[in-house]
N, C-alpha and C. Protein backbone atom coordinates (compact mmCIF):
# COMPACT_ATOMS: atom_id res chain seq x y z
N MET A 1 -3.53 14.84 2.56
CA MET A 1 -2.37 15.22 1.70
C MET A 1 -1.25 14.86 2.32
N PRO A 2 -0.06 14.93 1.72
CA PRO A 2 1.15 15.01 2.74
C PRO A 2 1.22 15.60 3.83
N GLY A 3 1.43 15.11 5.09
CA GLY A 3 1.71 16.58 6.33
C GLY A 3 0.17 16.45 7.39
N HIS A 4 -0.79 15.37 6.98
CA HIS A 4 -1.68 15.31 7.38
C HIS A 4 -0.75 14.27 8.91
N PRO A 5 -1.70 14.32 10.09
CA PRO A 5 -1.06 13.27 11.13
C PRO A 5 -1.85 11.81 10.77
N GLN A 6 -0.80 10.83 10.82
CA GLN A 6 -1.54 9.71 10.27
C GLN A 6 -2.76 9.17 11.34
N GLU A 7 -2.73 9.60 11.91
CA GLU A 7 -3.95 8.93 12.91
C GLU A 7 -5.14 9.98 12.33
N ASP A 8 -5.22 10.81 11.62
CA ASP A 8 -6.33 11.63 10.37
C ASP A 8 -7.01 10.85 9.72
N LEU A 9 -5.65 10.09 9.32
CA LEU A 9 -6.28 9.44 7.54
C LEU A 9 -6.18 7.82 8.22
N ALA A 10 -5.66 7.40 9.10
CA ALA A 10 -6.95 6.07 9.70
C ALA A 10 -8.14 6.04 9.83
N ALA A 11 -9.03 7.33 9.89
CA ALA A 11 -10.30 7.07 10.15
C ALA A 11 -10.66 7.39 8.54
N LEU A 12 -10.32 7.43 7.73
CA LEU A 12 -10.64 7.64 6.13
C LEU A 12 -10.52 6.26 5.60
N PRO A 13 -11.91 6.24 4.94
CA PRO A 13 -12.14 4.89 4.14
C PRO A 13 -11.21 4.65 3.05
N ASP A 14 -11.31 3.31 2.85
CA ASP A 14 -10.46 2.68 1.99
C ASP A 14 -10.15 3.79 0.54
N ARG A 15 -11.37 4.01 -0.06
CA ARG A 15 -11.14 4.21 -1.46
C ARG A 15 -10.77 5.92 -1.30
N ALA A 16 -11.09 6.70 -0.24
CA ALA A 16 -10.51 8.29 -0.12
C ALA A 16 -8.95 7.97 0.25
N LEU A 17 -8.30 7.07 0.68
CA LEU A 17 -6.61 6.67 1.10
C LEU A 17 -6.01 6.33 -0.59
N VAL A 18 -6.86 5.56 -1.57
CA VAL A 18 -6.49 5.32 -2.32
C VAL A 18 -6.32 6.77 -3.10
N GLU A 19 -7.27 7.32 -2.98
CA GLU A 19 -7.39 8.99 -4.07
C GLU A 19 -6.38 9.29 -3.48
N ARG A 20 -6.01 9.62 -2.24
CA ARG A 20 -4.76 10.48 -1.92
C ARG A 20 -3.38 9.35 -2.00
N ALA A 21 -3.62 8.12 -2.17
CA ALA A 21 -2.40 7.89 -2.30
C ALA A 21 -2.09 8.09 -4.15
N THR A 22 -2.95 8.03 -5.14
CA THR A 22 -2.68 8.30 -6.42
C THR A 22 -1.82 9.60 -6.44
N GLN A 23 -2.61 10.61 -5.66
CA GLN A 23 -1.98 11.91 -6.01
C GLN A 23 -0.16 12.05 -5.16
N GLY A 24 -0.14 10.89 -4.54
CA GLY A 24 1.12 10.81 -4.00
C GLY A 24 1.76 10.98 -2.36
N ASP A 25 0.44 10.76 -1.98
CA ASP A 25 0.51 10.70 -0.05
C ASP A 25 1.05 9.30 0.06
N ARG A 26 2.40 9.59 0.36
CA ARG A 26 2.79 7.89 1.32
C ARG A 26 2.16 7.86 2.35
N GLU A 27 1.77 8.97 3.47
CA GLU A 27 1.30 8.39 4.61
C GLU A 27 -0.03 7.77 4.70
N ALA A 28 -0.91 8.06 3.45
CA ALA A 28 -2.06 7.11 3.16
C ALA A 28 -2.14 5.78 2.43
N PHE A 29 -0.93 5.99 1.81
CA PHE A 29 0.00 4.33 1.25
C PHE A 29 0.20 3.81 2.56
N GLY A 30 0.99 4.13 3.78
CA GLY A 30 1.32 3.59 4.71
C GLY A 30 0.36 3.12 5.41
N VAL A 31 -1.15 4.04 5.54
CA VAL A 31 -2.10 3.45 6.27
C VAL A 31 -2.89 2.20 5.35
N LEU A 32 -3.07 2.19 4.24
CA LEU A 32 -3.39 1.36 3.44
C LEU A 32 -2.54 -0.05 3.69
N TYR A 33 -1.28 -0.23 3.71
CA TYR A 33 -0.51 -1.21 3.88
C TYR A 33 -0.72 -1.83 5.09
N GLN A 34 -0.58 -1.08 6.11
CA GLN A 34 -0.78 -1.34 7.55
C GLN A 34 -2.75 -2.19 7.79
N ARG A 35 -3.28 -1.53 7.50
CA ARG A 35 -4.93 -2.32 6.91
C ARG A 35 -4.82 -3.27 6.19
N TYR A 36 -3.90 -3.77 5.17
CA TYR A 36 -4.17 -5.16 4.58
C TYR A 36 -3.00 -5.77 4.35
N VAL A 37 -1.89 -5.34 5.04
CA VAL A 37 -1.01 -6.55 4.76
C VAL A 37 -0.57 -7.26 5.33
N GLN A 38 -1.13 -7.75 6.54
CA GLN A 38 -1.64 -9.12 6.83
C GLN A 38 -2.67 -10.11 6.30
N ARG A 39 -3.83 -9.58 5.38
CA ARG A 39 -4.24 -10.44 5.10
C ARG A 39 -4.03 -10.98 3.87
N ILE A 40 -3.17 -9.31 3.21
CA ILE A 40 -2.25 -10.53 2.00
C ILE A 40 -1.71 -11.37 2.17
N TYR A 41 -1.11 -11.15 2.87
CA TYR A 41 0.23 -11.72 3.38
C TYR A 41 -0.38 -13.54 4.06
N ASN A 42 -1.63 -13.73 4.98
CA ASN A 42 -2.37 -15.21 5.02
C ASN A 42 -3.15 -15.15 3.81
N TYR A 43 -3.38 -14.71 2.81
CA TYR A 43 -3.97 -15.20 1.48
C TYR A 43 -2.66 -15.89 1.22
N ILE A 44 -1.72 -15.14 0.42
CA ILE A 44 -0.76 -15.82 0.07
C ILE A 44 -0.26 -17.06 0.70
N TYR A 45 0.06 -16.80 1.52
CA TYR A 45 0.43 -18.21 2.95
C TYR A 45 -0.16 -19.12 2.34
N TYR A 46 -2.14 -19.11 2.82
CA TYR A 46 -2.57 -19.99 2.01
C TYR A 46 -2.34 -20.89 1.27
N ARG A 47 -2.11 -19.77 -0.16
CA ARG A 47 -1.45 -20.19 -1.36
C ARG A 47 -0.40 -21.44 -1.81
N VAL A 48 0.54 -20.75 -1.04
CA VAL A 48 1.66 -21.14 -1.35
C VAL A 48 2.48 -22.33 -0.07
N GLY A 49 1.92 -21.76 1.07
CA GLY A 49 2.13 -23.12 1.88
C GLY A 49 3.42 -22.74 2.61
N HIS A 50 4.64 -21.78 2.68
CA HIS A 50 5.52 -21.54 2.86
C HIS A 50 5.96 -20.13 3.42
N ALA A 51 6.38 -19.89 4.34
CA ALA A 51 6.48 -18.67 4.85
C ALA A 51 7.57 -17.99 4.54
N VAL A 52 8.73 -18.03 3.98
CA VAL A 52 9.39 -17.42 3.49
C VAL A 52 9.33 -17.05 2.15
N GLU A 53 8.84 -17.96 1.24
CA GLU A 53 7.99 -17.39 -0.03
C GLU A 53 6.63 -16.15 0.39
N ALA A 54 5.65 -16.75 1.22
CA ALA A 54 4.76 -15.98 1.20
C ALA A 54 5.30 -14.46 1.60
N GLU A 55 6.46 -14.57 2.09
CA GLU A 55 6.48 -13.10 2.86
C GLU A 55 7.39 -12.60 1.53
N ASP A 56 8.06 -13.30 0.77
CA ASP A 56 8.78 -12.76 -0.53
C ASP A 56 7.70 -12.29 -1.31
N LEU A 57 6.61 -12.92 -2.00
CA LEU A 57 5.64 -12.52 -2.72
C LEU A 57 4.76 -11.39 -2.08
N THR A 58 4.66 -11.35 -0.64
CA THR A 58 3.67 -9.83 -0.22
C THR A 58 4.71 -9.00 -0.23
N ALA A 59 5.85 -8.83 -0.54
CA ALA A 59 6.61 -7.59 -0.52
C ALA A 59 6.73 -7.28 -2.18
N ARG A 60 6.51 -8.75 -2.59
CA ARG A 60 6.63 -7.86 -4.75
C ARG A 60 4.92 -7.35 -4.52
N TRP A 61 4.19 -7.60 -4.26
CA TRP A 61 2.64 -7.81 -4.25
C TRP A 61 3.24 -5.97 -3.70
N THR A 62 3.38 -5.34 -2.31
CA THR A 62 3.52 -4.61 -2.24
C THR A 62 3.90 -3.27 -2.72
N PHE A 63 5.19 -3.74 -3.48
CA PHE A 63 6.01 -3.11 -4.29
C PHE A 63 5.03 -2.56 -5.54
N SER A 64 4.58 -3.82 -5.97
CA SER A 64 3.87 -3.93 -7.59
C SER A 64 2.45 -2.30 -7.05
N PHE A 65 1.61 -2.70 -5.95
CA PHE A 65 0.61 -1.74 -5.61
C PHE A 65 1.64 -0.53 -5.77
N GLY A 66 2.12 -0.27 -5.02
CA GLY A 66 2.88 0.89 -4.84
C GLY A 66 3.32 1.76 -6.35
N SER A 67 3.70 0.70 -6.93
CA SER A 67 4.14 1.53 -7.92
C SER A 67 2.97 1.47 -9.03
N THR A 68 1.90 0.97 -9.25
CA THR A 68 0.85 1.18 -10.02
C THR A 68 0.36 2.41 -9.23
N LEU A 69 0.16 2.60 -8.09
CA LEU A 69 -0.75 3.88 -7.19
C LEU A 69 0.62 5.21 -7.82
N ALA A 70 1.72 4.73 -7.94
CA ALA A 70 2.84 5.90 -8.05
C ALA A 70 2.62 6.62 -10.04
N ALA A 71 2.13 5.25 -10.20
CA ALA A 71 2.34 5.52 -12.17
C ALA A 71 0.94 6.37 -11.94
N ARG A 72 -0.16 6.14 -11.33
CA ARG A 72 -1.60 7.00 -11.48
C ARG A 72 -1.32 8.04 -10.86
N ALA A 73 -0.54 8.52 -10.20
CA ALA A 73 -0.05 9.67 -9.70
C ALA A 73 0.82 10.60 -10.59
N GLY A 74 1.17 10.08 -11.82
CA GLY A 74 2.33 10.76 -12.97
C GLY A 74 3.49 10.67 -12.29
N GLY A 75 4.17 10.02 -11.07
CA GLY A 75 5.37 10.12 -11.06
C GLY A 75 5.89 9.05 -11.21
N GLY A 76 6.14 7.64 -11.61
CA GLY A 76 6.52 6.76 -11.52
C GLY A 76 6.75 6.25 -10.29
N ALA A 77 7.70 4.83 -10.27
CA ALA A 77 7.54 4.30 -9.10
C ALA A 77 8.07 4.81 -8.01
N SER A 78 9.43 6.08 -8.76
CA SER A 78 9.88 6.66 -7.70
C SER A 78 9.31 8.19 -7.32
N THR A 79 7.93 8.45 -6.78
CA THR A 79 7.39 9.73 -6.72
C THR A 79 7.97 10.21 -5.76
N ASN A 80 8.10 11.37 -5.16
CA ASN A 80 8.47 12.06 -3.82
C ASN A 80 7.68 13.06 -3.45
N ARG A 81 6.01 12.87 -4.16
CA ARG A 81 4.76 14.06 -3.58
C ARG A 81 4.67 13.73 -2.26
């Protein structure tokens, strides 16, 4: 939950991080982001072939994913839990 050192969260499996993120734990979301952002960017870049567009689409995907987790937490896109 919020307040745990990120080092502890980094050892958790994805399922546990998603569970925490859906409960509003922004640090858990940050660990998931760090774990997957490069892979997501690489895939999008492979599909579109343009770095700037891939960066934009990666940012949009990240926002969408974060909003989905926040909605599941019951706080909408701007949850502060």
